[in-house]
Amino acid sequence: MTTAIGIVGAIASGKSTAARWFASRGWTAVDADEEAHALYAPGSELVSALEARFGSGIVRSDGAVDRAALGEIVFADPKALVDLDALVHPLARDRIRRVVESARSSGADVVLEMALLYRWPEMAASMDRIVGIRCSDPIRLERLAARPGMSLEQARRRMLAQDQDLLLSVADFSITNEGSPSDLEANLEDPRLGQKTA
């Protein structure tokens, strides 16, 4: 019988580090953001819908979405972010569900990294456990601003677009991640996760 664990938390909290830790132990890691990004392929249904809503300025000459340009629009306008979610989420949910179900049916244990899992009760209910990764705002801001191409103001806007407590509301329990990656990995040995080794 396979096990599925969800990982939730706000931006720059350490969700990806946690997912990689599980992957290093033989779990199949599913990154909801990566699966959603795959929908943005040039010529796709989603790209056409995004161009119709946000204008041709968000599509590069090669037909791919200019994610930086789109981000500037949606993180500066709450209504635009709502519209983006309405276009992306149904397609992304279908893709993520199929990837998770395929992995489990092949006998793999799955770790699903998905910040917005609280919005998807059916998928949340299918997880054996959901762990939240919590981190204070100042540390998250520092981490986010250190990312290539990210200004301090852009980092602030991305943080303000999220409610950390709401994102963590679906978690069975939370782990604080305010130290080094190795500190987080040590905390992931928590017996409540019931993880298996490869």
N, C-alpha and C. Protein backbone atom coordinates (compact mmCIF):
# COMPACT_ATOMS: atom_id res chain seq x y z
N MET A 1 0.85 -1.20 0.00
CA MET A 1 0.00 0.00 0.00
C MET A 1 0.88 1.25 0.00
N THR A 2 0.56 2.17 -0.86
CA THR A 2 1.38 3.37 -0.97
C THR A 2 0.96 4.43 0.04
N THR A 3 1.88 5.37 0.26
CA THR A 3 1.62 6.50 1.15
C THR A 3 1.72 7.79 0.35
N ALA A 4 0.85 8.74 0.65
CA ALA A 4 0.91 10.06 0.00
C ALA A 4 0.94 11.14 1.08
N ILE A 5 1.91 12.01 0.98
CA ILE A 5 2.05 13.12 1.91
C ILE A 5 1.98 14.43 1.14
N GLY A 6 1.21 15.37 1.66
CA GLY A 6 1.14 16.70 1.07
C GLY A 6 2.05 17.64 1.83
N ILE A 7 2.67 18.57 1.13
CA ILE A 7 3.50 19.60 1.75
C ILE A 7 2.92 20.95 1.37
N VAL A 8 2.60 21.75 2.38
CA VAL A 8 2.01 23.07 2.13
C VAL A 8 2.81 24.14 2.87
N GLY A 9 2.61 25.37 2.47
CA GLY A 9 3.29 26.49 3.10
C GLY A 9 3.37 27.65 2.15
N ALA A 10 3.76 28.79 2.66
CA ALA A 10 3.85 30.01 1.86
C ALA A 10 5.14 30.01 1.04
N ILE A 11 5.23 30.96 0.14
CA ILE A 11 6.39 31.11 -0.71
C ILE A 11 7.66 31.29 0.14
N ALA A 12 8.74 30.64 -0.28
CA ALA A 12 10.05 30.72 0.37
C ALA A 12 10.07 30.13 1.78
N SER A 13 9.13 29.26 2.07
CA SER A 13 9.11 28.63 3.40
C SER A 13 9.97 27.37 3.47
N GLY A 14 10.23 26.74 2.33
CA GLY A 14 11.05 25.53 2.31
C GLY A 14 10.34 24.29 1.81
N LYS A 15 9.21 24.47 1.14
CA LYS A 15 8.46 23.31 0.64
C LYS A 15 9.29 22.46 -0.33
N SER A 16 10.00 23.12 -1.23
CA SER A 16 10.78 22.38 -2.24
C SER A 16 11.93 21.62 -1.59
N THR A 17 12.56 22.22 -0.60
CA THR A 17 13.63 21.52 0.11
C THR A 17 13.09 20.27 0.78
N ALA A 18 11.92 20.38 1.37
CA ALA A 18 11.30 19.23 2.02
C ALA A 18 10.96 18.15 1.00
N ALA A 19 10.40 18.56 -0.14
CA ALA A 19 10.04 17.58 -1.18
C ALA A 19 11.27 16.87 -1.71
N ARG A 20 12.37 17.61 -1.90
CA ARG A 20 13.61 16.98 -2.38
C ARG A 20 14.14 15.97 -1.37
N TRP A 21 13.95 16.25 -0.09
CA TRP A 21 14.39 15.32 0.96
C TRP A 21 13.62 14.00 0.83
N PHE A 22 12.32 14.08 0.61
CA PHE A 22 11.54 12.86 0.41
C PHE A 22 11.99 12.13 -0.86
N ALA A 23 12.21 12.90 -1.93
CA ALA A 23 12.64 12.29 -3.19
C ALA A 23 13.96 11.54 -3.02
N SER A 24 14.85 12.08 -2.21
CA SER A 24 16.14 11.43 -1.99
C SER A 24 15.98 10.10 -1.25
N ARG A 25 14.83 9.89 -0.67
CA ARG A 25 14.54 8.64 0.04
C ARG A 25 13.62 7.73 -0.77
N GLY A 26 13.50 8.00 -2.04
CA GLY A 26 12.79 7.10 -2.94
C GLY A 26 11.34 7.43 -3.22
N TRP A 27 10.86 8.54 -2.69
CA TRP A 27 9.49 8.93 -2.95
C TRP A 27 9.39 9.59 -4.33
N THR A 28 8.23 9.52 -4.94
CA THR A 28 7.97 10.26 -6.17
C THR A 28 7.48 11.65 -5.77
N ALA A 29 8.24 12.66 -6.14
CA ALA A 29 7.88 14.04 -5.80
C ALA A 29 7.08 14.65 -6.93
N VAL A 30 5.94 15.22 -6.59
CA VAL A 30 5.10 15.92 -7.56
C VAL A 30 5.02 17.38 -7.13
N ASP A 31 5.53 18.26 -7.97
CA ASP A 31 5.52 19.70 -7.70
C ASP A 31 4.33 20.30 -8.44
N ALA A 32 3.34 20.75 -7.71
CA ALA A 32 2.13 21.29 -8.35
C ALA A 32 2.45 22.46 -9.26
N ASP A 33 3.39 23.30 -8.85
CA ASP A 33 3.75 24.45 -9.69
C ASP A 33 4.36 23.99 -11.01
N GLU A 34 5.24 23.00 -10.95
CA GLU A 34 5.87 22.50 -12.18
C GLU A 34 4.83 21.88 -13.11
N GLU A 35 3.90 21.14 -12.54
CA GLU A 35 2.86 20.54 -13.37
C GLU A 35 2.00 21.63 -14.01
N ALA A 36 1.72 22.68 -13.27
CA ALA A 36 0.94 23.79 -13.83
C ALA A 36 1.74 24.51 -14.92
N HIS A 37 3.04 24.68 -14.69
CA HIS A 37 3.87 25.37 -15.67
C HIS A 37 3.89 24.62 -17.01
N ALA A 38 3.79 23.30 -16.95
CA ALA A 38 3.81 22.51 -18.18
C ALA A 38 2.62 22.84 -19.07
N LEU A 39 1.58 23.41 -18.49
CA LEU A 39 0.40 23.78 -19.27
C LEU A 39 0.63 25.02 -20.12
N TYR A 40 1.74 25.72 -19.86
CA TYR A 40 2.03 26.98 -20.54
C TYR A 40 2.81 26.78 -21.84
N ALA A 41 2.83 25.58 -22.38
CA ALA A 41 3.58 25.31 -23.61
C ALA A 41 3.06 26.18 -24.75
N PRO A 42 3.96 26.64 -25.64
CA PRO A 42 3.52 27.47 -26.77
C PRO A 42 2.40 26.79 -27.57
N GLY A 43 1.40 27.59 -27.90
CA GLY A 43 0.29 27.07 -28.70
C GLY A 43 -0.77 26.34 -27.91
N SER A 44 -0.60 26.26 -26.61
CA SER A 44 -1.57 25.51 -25.80
C SER A 44 -2.86 26.29 -25.60
N GLU A 45 -3.86 25.56 -25.17
CA GLU A 45 -5.16 26.17 -24.85
C GLU A 45 -5.01 27.26 -23.80
N LEU A 46 -4.17 26.99 -22.80
CA LEU A 46 -4.00 27.96 -21.72
C LEU A 46 -3.34 29.24 -22.21
N VAL A 47 -2.31 29.12 -23.03
CA VAL A 47 -1.63 30.32 -23.53
C VAL A 47 -2.60 31.21 -24.31
N SER A 48 -3.45 30.61 -25.12
CA SER A 48 -4.44 31.38 -25.87
C SER A 48 -5.39 32.11 -24.93
N ALA A 49 -5.83 31.43 -23.89
CA ALA A 49 -6.75 32.04 -22.93
C ALA A 49 -6.08 33.17 -22.15
N LEU A 50 -4.80 32.99 -21.79
CA LEU A 50 -4.08 34.02 -21.06
C LEU A 50 -3.86 35.26 -21.93
N GLU A 51 -3.54 35.05 -23.19
CA GLU A 51 -3.33 36.18 -24.10
C GLU A 51 -4.63 36.96 -24.28
N ALA A 52 -5.75 36.25 -24.36
CA ALA A 52 -7.04 36.92 -24.52
C ALA A 52 -7.37 37.76 -23.29
N ARG A 53 -6.98 37.29 -22.10
CA ARG A 53 -7.30 38.02 -20.87
C ARG A 53 -6.29 39.11 -20.54
N PHE A 54 -4.99 38.82 -20.72
CA PHE A 54 -3.96 39.75 -20.22
C PHE A 54 -3.22 40.50 -21.33
N GLY A 55 -3.50 40.18 -22.59
CA GLY A 55 -2.89 40.92 -23.69
C GLY A 55 -1.68 40.22 -24.28
N SER A 56 -1.32 40.64 -25.48
CA SER A 56 -0.22 39.98 -26.20
C SER A 56 1.14 40.23 -25.56
N GLY A 57 1.21 41.21 -24.67
CA GLY A 57 2.48 41.52 -24.01
C GLY A 57 3.00 40.43 -23.11
N ILE A 58 2.14 39.46 -22.76
CA ILE A 58 2.58 38.38 -21.88
C ILE A 58 3.03 37.15 -22.67
N VAL A 59 3.04 37.25 -24.00
CA VAL A 59 3.50 36.13 -24.83
C VAL A 59 4.77 36.55 -25.57
N ARG A 60 5.82 35.76 -25.42
CA ARG A 60 7.10 36.05 -26.07
C ARG A 60 7.03 35.71 -27.56
N SER A 61 8.05 36.12 -28.29
CA SER A 61 8.08 35.89 -29.74
C SER A 61 8.09 34.41 -30.10
N ASP A 62 8.57 33.54 -29.16
CA ASP A 62 8.59 32.10 -29.43
C ASP A 62 7.28 31.42 -29.07
N GLY A 63 6.29 32.20 -28.64
CA GLY A 63 4.99 31.65 -28.32
C GLY A 63 4.82 31.22 -26.88
N ALA A 64 5.90 31.30 -26.09
CA ALA A 64 5.82 30.93 -24.68
C ALA A 64 5.36 32.13 -23.85
N VAL A 65 4.79 31.85 -22.69
CA VAL A 65 4.35 32.93 -21.81
C VAL A 65 5.55 33.57 -21.13
N ASP A 66 5.59 34.87 -21.14
CA ASP A 66 6.61 35.62 -20.39
C ASP A 66 6.12 35.68 -18.95
N ARG A 67 6.60 34.74 -18.15
CA ARG A 67 6.07 34.60 -16.79
C ARG A 67 6.39 35.82 -15.93
N ALA A 68 7.51 36.47 -16.20
CA ALA A 68 7.84 37.68 -15.44
C ALA A 68 6.83 38.79 -15.73
N ALA A 69 6.50 38.96 -17.01
CA ALA A 69 5.52 39.98 -17.38
C ALA A 69 4.15 39.67 -16.81
N LEU A 70 3.76 38.40 -16.87
CA LEU A 70 2.47 38.00 -16.30
C LEU A 70 2.47 38.20 -14.80
N GLY A 71 3.58 37.86 -14.15
CA GLY A 71 3.68 38.04 -12.70
C GLY A 71 3.54 39.49 -12.27
N GLU A 72 4.16 40.38 -13.06
CA GLU A 72 4.06 41.80 -12.74
C GLU A 72 2.61 42.27 -12.76
N ILE A 73 1.82 41.72 -13.67
CA ILE A 73 0.41 42.10 -13.78
C ILE A 73 -0.39 41.54 -12.61
N VAL A 74 -0.27 40.24 -12.39
CA VAL A 74 -1.18 39.60 -11.43
C VAL A 74 -0.82 39.88 -9.98
N PHE A 75 0.46 40.12 -9.68
CA PHE A 75 0.81 40.40 -8.29
C PHE A 75 0.61 41.86 -7.93
N ALA A 76 0.29 42.68 -8.93
CA ALA A 76 -0.02 44.09 -8.66
C ALA A 76 -1.51 44.36 -8.68
N ASP A 77 -2.31 43.34 -9.05
CA ASP A 77 -3.76 43.53 -9.22
C ASP A 77 -4.49 42.29 -8.72
N PRO A 78 -5.11 42.36 -7.55
CA PRO A 78 -5.79 41.19 -6.99
C PRO A 78 -6.84 40.58 -7.93
N LYS A 79 -7.55 41.42 -8.67
CA LYS A 79 -8.56 40.89 -9.60
C LYS A 79 -7.89 40.09 -10.72
N ALA A 80 -6.75 40.56 -11.19
CA ALA A 80 -6.03 39.83 -12.24
C ALA A 80 -5.56 38.48 -11.72
N LEU A 81 -5.15 38.44 -10.47
CA LEU A 81 -4.70 37.16 -9.89
C LEU A 81 -5.86 36.18 -9.79
N VAL A 82 -7.03 36.67 -9.43
CA VAL A 82 -8.23 35.82 -9.37
C VAL A 82 -8.54 35.28 -10.76
N ASP A 83 -8.44 36.13 -11.77
CA ASP A 83 -8.71 35.69 -13.13
C ASP A 83 -7.71 34.64 -13.60
N LEU A 84 -6.44 34.85 -13.25
CA LEU A 84 -5.41 33.87 -13.61
C LEU A 84 -5.71 32.52 -12.98
N ASP A 85 -6.04 32.54 -11.69
CA ASP A 85 -6.36 31.29 -10.99
C ASP A 85 -7.52 30.57 -11.67
N ALA A 86 -8.53 31.32 -12.08
CA ALA A 86 -9.71 30.71 -12.70
C ALA A 86 -9.38 30.03 -14.02
N LEU A 87 -8.38 30.55 -14.72
CA LEU A 87 -7.97 29.95 -15.99
C LEU A 87 -7.07 28.74 -15.79
N VAL A 88 -6.17 28.85 -14.82
CA VAL A 88 -5.14 27.82 -14.64
C VAL A 88 -5.59 26.64 -13.79
N HIS A 89 -6.29 26.90 -12.70
CA HIS A 89 -6.54 25.85 -11.71
C HIS A 89 -7.29 24.62 -12.21
N PRO A 90 -8.36 24.76 -12.98
CA PRO A 90 -9.04 23.53 -13.43
C PRO A 90 -8.14 22.62 -14.26
N LEU A 91 -7.36 23.21 -15.17
CA LEU A 91 -6.46 22.41 -15.99
C LEU A 91 -5.34 21.81 -15.15
N ALA A 92 -4.81 22.61 -14.22
CA ALA A 92 -3.72 22.13 -13.38
C ALA A 92 -4.18 21.00 -12.46
N ARG A 93 -5.37 21.13 -11.90
CA ARG A 93 -5.87 20.09 -11.01
C ARG A 93 -6.00 18.76 -11.74
N ASP A 94 -6.51 18.80 -12.95
CA ASP A 94 -6.68 17.57 -13.71
C ASP A 94 -5.32 16.91 -13.96
N ARG A 95 -4.35 17.73 -14.34
CA ARG A 95 -3.01 17.18 -14.62
C ARG A 95 -2.38 16.61 -13.35
N ILE A 96 -2.45 17.36 -12.24
CA ILE A 96 -1.84 16.90 -10.99
C ILE A 96 -2.50 15.61 -10.51
N ARG A 97 -3.83 15.57 -10.58
CA ARG A 97 -4.54 14.36 -10.14
C ARG A 97 -4.08 13.15 -10.93
N ARG A 98 -3.94 13.31 -12.24
CA ARG A 98 -3.51 12.17 -13.07
C ARG A 98 -2.09 11.73 -12.74
N VAL A 99 -1.19 12.69 -12.47
CA VAL A 99 0.20 12.35 -12.14
C VAL A 99 0.27 11.61 -10.81
N VAL A 100 -0.45 12.10 -9.80
CA VAL A 100 -0.45 11.46 -8.48
C VAL A 100 -1.05 10.06 -8.57
N GLU A 101 -2.19 9.94 -9.23
CA GLU A 101 -2.85 8.63 -9.34
C GLU A 101 -1.98 7.63 -10.10
N SER A 102 -1.30 8.10 -11.14
CA SER A 102 -0.43 7.21 -11.92
C SER A 102 0.72 6.70 -11.07
N ALA A 103 1.33 7.60 -10.29
CA ALA A 103 2.45 7.19 -9.44
C ALA A 103 2.01 6.18 -8.39
N ARG A 104 0.88 6.45 -7.75
CA ARG A 104 0.40 5.54 -6.71
C ARG A 104 -0.01 4.19 -7.29
N SER A 105 -0.62 4.21 -8.47
CA SER A 105 -1.04 2.95 -9.06
C SER A 105 0.15 2.09 -9.48
N SER A 106 1.31 2.75 -9.68
CA SER A 106 2.51 1.99 -10.02
C SER A 106 3.26 1.51 -8.79
N GLY A 107 2.70 1.83 -7.60
CA GLY A 107 3.29 1.36 -6.35
C GLY A 107 4.23 2.33 -5.66
N ALA A 108 4.28 3.57 -6.12
CA ALA A 108 5.19 4.55 -5.54
C ALA A 108 4.54 5.32 -4.39
N ASP A 109 5.36 5.65 -3.40
CA ASP A 109 4.94 6.61 -2.38
C ASP A 109 5.11 7.99 -2.97
N VAL A 110 4.18 8.88 -2.67
CA VAL A 110 4.15 10.19 -3.33
C VAL A 110 4.19 11.31 -2.31
N VAL A 111 4.99 12.34 -2.62
CA VAL A 111 4.96 13.58 -1.85
C VAL A 111 4.52 14.68 -2.81
N LEU A 112 3.43 15.34 -2.47
CA LEU A 112 2.85 16.39 -3.31
C LEU A 112 3.14 17.75 -2.67
N GLU A 113 3.92 18.55 -3.38
CA GLU A 113 4.22 19.91 -2.93
C GLU A 113 3.21 20.84 -3.58
N MET A 114 2.31 21.39 -2.76
CA MET A 114 1.24 22.21 -3.33
C MET A 114 0.78 23.25 -2.32
N ALA A 115 1.18 24.50 -2.53
CA ALA A 115 0.84 25.57 -1.60
C ALA A 115 -0.66 25.73 -1.42
N LEU A 116 -1.42 25.58 -2.51
CA LEU A 116 -2.86 25.85 -2.48
C LEU A 116 -3.70 24.60 -2.26
N LEU A 117 -3.16 23.62 -1.59
CA LEU A 117 -3.89 22.38 -1.36
C LEU A 117 -5.18 22.62 -0.57
N TYR A 118 -5.22 23.65 0.24
CA TYR A 118 -6.43 23.93 1.03
C TYR A 118 -7.63 24.24 0.13
N ARG A 119 -7.37 24.66 -1.11
CA ARG A 119 -8.46 24.96 -2.03
C ARG A 119 -9.00 23.72 -2.73
N TRP A 120 -8.40 22.58 -2.48
CA TRP A 120 -8.75 21.36 -3.20
C TRP A 120 -9.04 20.26 -2.18
N PRO A 121 -10.22 20.30 -1.54
CA PRO A 121 -10.53 19.37 -0.46
C PRO A 121 -10.44 17.91 -0.87
N GLU A 122 -10.80 17.59 -2.10
CA GLU A 122 -10.77 16.18 -2.52
C GLU A 122 -9.34 15.65 -2.55
N MET A 123 -8.40 16.44 -3.07
CA MET A 123 -7.01 15.99 -3.09
C MET A 123 -6.42 15.98 -1.68
N ALA A 124 -6.77 16.99 -0.89
CA ALA A 124 -6.29 17.02 0.49
C ALA A 124 -6.75 15.77 1.25
N ALA A 125 -8.00 15.37 1.02
CA ALA A 125 -8.54 14.20 1.71
C ALA A 125 -7.87 12.91 1.27
N SER A 126 -7.29 12.91 0.07
CA SER A 126 -6.64 11.70 -0.43
C SER A 126 -5.23 11.51 0.13
N MET A 127 -4.70 12.55 0.78
CA MET A 127 -3.36 12.46 1.38
C MET A 127 -3.44 11.71 2.70
N ASP A 128 -2.43 10.91 2.99
CA ASP A 128 -2.38 10.23 4.29
C ASP A 128 -2.04 11.21 5.40
N ARG A 129 -1.18 12.16 5.10
CA ARG A 129 -0.82 13.22 6.03
C ARG A 129 -0.48 14.47 5.23
N ILE A 130 -0.69 15.61 5.85
CA ILE A 130 -0.29 16.88 5.24
C ILE A 130 0.56 17.63 6.26
N VAL A 131 1.76 17.97 5.85
CA VAL A 131 2.67 18.70 6.74
C VAL A 131 2.83 20.13 6.22
N GLY A 132 2.77 21.07 7.13
CA GLY A 132 2.98 22.47 6.77
C GLY A 132 4.41 22.87 7.11
N ILE A 133 4.99 23.70 6.26
CA ILE A 133 6.31 24.26 6.52
C ILE A 133 6.09 25.74 6.83
N ARG A 134 6.40 26.12 8.06
CA ARG A 134 6.15 27.50 8.51
C ARG A 134 7.47 28.25 8.64
N CYS A 135 7.44 29.53 8.28
CA CYS A 135 8.62 30.38 8.39
C CYS A 135 8.17 31.82 8.59
N SER A 136 8.92 32.56 9.41
CA SER A 136 8.56 33.95 9.69
C SER A 136 8.69 34.82 8.43
N ASP A 137 7.93 35.89 8.39
CA ASP A 137 7.94 36.78 7.23
C ASP A 137 9.32 37.38 6.94
N PRO A 138 10.05 37.88 7.95
CA PRO A 138 11.36 38.47 7.64
C PRO A 138 12.33 37.49 6.98
N ILE A 139 12.34 36.25 7.43
CA ILE A 139 13.24 35.26 6.85
C ILE A 139 12.78 34.89 5.44
N ARG A 140 11.47 34.74 5.24
CA ARG A 140 10.98 34.43 3.91
C ARG A 140 11.29 35.57 2.93
N LEU A 141 11.14 36.80 3.40
CA LEU A 141 11.44 37.95 2.54
C LEU A 141 12.91 37.95 2.15
N GLU A 142 13.78 37.67 3.09
CA GLU A 142 15.22 37.62 2.81
C GLU A 142 15.53 36.53 1.78
N ARG A 143 14.95 35.36 1.96
CA ARG A 143 15.17 34.26 1.02
C ARG A 143 14.65 34.60 -0.37
N LEU A 144 13.47 35.18 -0.40
CA LEU A 144 12.83 35.48 -1.68
C LEU A 144 13.59 36.56 -2.44
N ALA A 145 14.01 37.59 -1.73
CA ALA A 145 14.73 38.70 -2.37
C ALA A 145 16.10 38.25 -2.88
N ALA A 146 16.61 37.15 -2.35
CA ALA A 146 17.92 36.64 -2.79
C ALA A 146 17.81 35.83 -4.08
N ARG A 147 16.61 35.54 -4.52
CA ARG A 147 16.45 34.76 -5.75
C ARG A 147 16.83 35.62 -6.96
N PRO A 148 17.45 35.00 -7.96
CA PRO A 148 17.87 35.76 -9.15
C PRO A 148 16.70 36.49 -9.80
N GLY A 149 16.93 37.77 -10.13
CA GLY A 149 15.92 38.55 -10.83
C GLY A 149 14.77 39.02 -9.96
N MET A 150 14.87 38.85 -8.65
CA MET A 150 13.78 39.24 -7.75
C MET A 150 14.18 40.46 -6.93
N SER A 151 13.48 41.57 -7.13
CA SER A 151 13.76 42.76 -6.33
C SER A 151 13.07 42.64 -4.98
N LEU A 152 13.48 43.48 -4.05
CA LEU A 152 12.86 43.47 -2.73
C LEU A 152 11.38 43.80 -2.82
N GLU A 153 11.03 44.75 -3.69
CA GLU A 153 9.62 45.13 -3.83
C GLU A 153 8.80 44.00 -4.45
N GLN A 154 9.36 43.32 -5.43
CA GLN A 154 8.67 42.17 -6.03
C GLN A 154 8.47 41.08 -4.98
N ALA A 155 9.48 40.86 -4.16
CA ALA A 155 9.39 39.84 -3.11
C ALA A 155 8.28 40.19 -2.12
N ARG A 156 8.21 41.46 -1.75
CA ARG A 156 7.15 41.90 -0.81
C ARG A 156 5.77 41.66 -1.41
N ARG A 157 5.60 42.00 -2.69
CA ARG A 157 4.28 41.83 -3.32
C ARG A 157 3.88 40.37 -3.35
N ARG A 158 4.81 39.49 -3.66
CA ARG A 158 4.50 38.06 -3.71
C ARG A 158 4.12 37.54 -2.34
N MET A 159 4.80 38.02 -1.32
CA MET A 159 4.46 37.60 0.04
C MET A 159 3.09 38.11 0.45
N LEU A 160 2.80 39.37 0.13
CA LEU A 160 1.53 39.95 0.52
C LEU A 160 0.35 39.31 -0.19
N ALA A 161 0.62 38.65 -1.33
CA ALA A 161 -0.45 37.99 -2.08
C ALA A 161 -0.87 36.68 -1.42
N GLN A 162 -0.16 36.26 -0.37
CA GLN A 162 -0.46 35.00 0.29
C GLN A 162 -0.78 35.21 1.76
N ASP A 163 -1.59 34.32 2.30
CA ASP A 163 -1.90 34.29 3.73
C ASP A 163 -1.33 32.99 4.26
N GLN A 164 -0.20 33.08 4.97
CA GLN A 164 0.49 31.88 5.42
C GLN A 164 -0.40 30.99 6.28
N ASP A 165 -1.14 31.58 7.19
CA ASP A 165 -2.00 30.78 8.06
C ASP A 165 -3.07 30.03 7.27
N LEU A 166 -3.60 30.68 6.24
CA LEU A 166 -4.61 30.03 5.41
C LEU A 166 -4.00 28.86 4.64
N LEU A 167 -2.81 29.06 4.09
CA LEU A 167 -2.14 28.00 3.35
C LEU A 167 -1.86 26.80 4.25
N LEU A 168 -1.55 27.07 5.51
CA LEU A 168 -1.22 26.01 6.46
C LEU A 168 -2.44 25.39 7.13
N SER A 169 -3.62 25.95 6.87
CA SER A 169 -4.82 25.52 7.59
C SER A 169 -5.18 24.06 7.33
N VAL A 170 -4.76 23.51 6.21
CA VAL A 170 -5.10 22.14 5.86
C VAL A 170 -4.10 21.14 6.44
N ALA A 171 -3.00 21.62 7.01
CA ALA A 171 -1.94 20.74 7.51
C ALA A 171 -2.37 20.01 8.79
N ASP A 172 -1.95 18.75 8.89
CA ASP A 172 -2.17 18.00 10.12
C ASP A 172 -1.27 18.52 11.23
N PHE A 173 -0.08 18.98 10.86
CA PHE A 173 0.83 19.63 11.79
C PHE A 173 1.85 20.40 10.97
N SER A 174 2.59 21.30 11.64
CA SER A 174 3.56 22.14 10.93
C SER A 174 4.95 22.00 11.51
N ILE A 175 5.94 22.20 10.66
CA ILE A 175 7.34 22.20 11.03
C ILE A 175 7.88 23.60 10.75
N THR A 176 8.62 24.17 11.70
CA THR A 176 9.20 25.49 11.50
C THR A 176 10.54 25.36 10.78
N ASN A 177 10.72 26.19 9.77
CA ASN A 177 11.95 26.15 8.98
C ASN A 177 12.57 27.54 8.91
N GLU A 178 13.39 27.84 9.92
CA GLU A 178 14.03 29.16 9.95
C GLU A 178 15.55 29.04 10.04
N GLY A 179 16.05 27.82 9.87
CA GLY A 179 17.49 27.61 9.93
C GLY A 179 18.03 27.16 8.59
N SER A 180 19.00 26.26 8.63
CA SER A 180 19.64 25.76 7.42
C SER A 180 18.82 24.62 6.82
N PRO A 181 19.11 24.25 5.57
CA PRO A 181 18.43 23.08 4.98
C PRO A 181 18.62 21.82 5.81
N SER A 182 19.79 21.67 6.41
CA SER A 182 20.02 20.47 7.22
C SER A 182 19.16 20.48 8.48
N ASP A 183 18.88 21.67 9.00
CA ASP A 183 17.97 21.77 10.16
C ASP A 183 16.58 21.30 9.77
N LEU A 184 16.12 21.72 8.59
CA LEU A 184 14.81 21.29 8.11
C LEU A 184 14.78 19.79 7.91
N GLU A 185 15.83 19.24 7.31
CA GLU A 185 15.88 17.81 7.07
C GLU A 185 15.80 17.03 8.38
N ALA A 186 16.47 17.54 9.41
CA ALA A 186 16.41 16.88 10.72
C ALA A 186 14.99 16.90 11.26
N ASN A 187 14.28 18.02 11.06
CA ASN A 187 12.90 18.13 11.53
C ASN A 187 11.95 17.21 10.75
N LEU A 188 12.32 16.89 9.51
CA LEU A 188 11.48 16.01 8.71
C LEU A 188 11.56 14.55 9.15
N GLU A 189 12.46 14.26 10.07
CA GLU A 189 12.52 12.91 10.64
C GLU A 189 11.37 12.70 11.64
N ASP A 190 10.52 13.70 11.78
CA ASP A 190 9.40 13.65 12.73
C ASP A 190 8.60 12.36 12.54
N PRO A 191 8.43 11.58 13.59
CA PRO A 191 7.71 10.31 13.46
C PRO A 191 6.26 10.45 13.01
N ARG A 192 5.69 11.64 13.17
CA ARG A 192 4.30 11.82 12.73
C ARG A 192 4.17 11.70 11.21
N LEU A 193 5.28 11.89 10.51
CA LEU A 193 5.23 11.77 9.05
C LEU A 193 5.18 10.31 8.61
N GLY A 194 5.70 9.43 9.42
CA GLY A 194 5.64 7.99 9.10
C GLY A 194 6.28 7.67 7.78
N GLN A 195 7.34 8.44 7.41
CA GLN A 195 7.96 8.21 6.11
C GLN A 195 8.76 6.91 6.08
N LYS A 196 8.88 6.39 4.88
CA LYS A 196 9.65 5.17 4.67
C LYS A 196 10.94 5.55 3.96
N THR A 197 11.96 4.78 4.13
CA THR A 197 13.21 5.02 3.41
C THR A 197 13.22 4.18 2.15
N ALA A 198 14.06 4.59 1.22
CA ALA A 198 14.14 3.89 -0.06
C ALA A 198 14.68 2.48 0.14
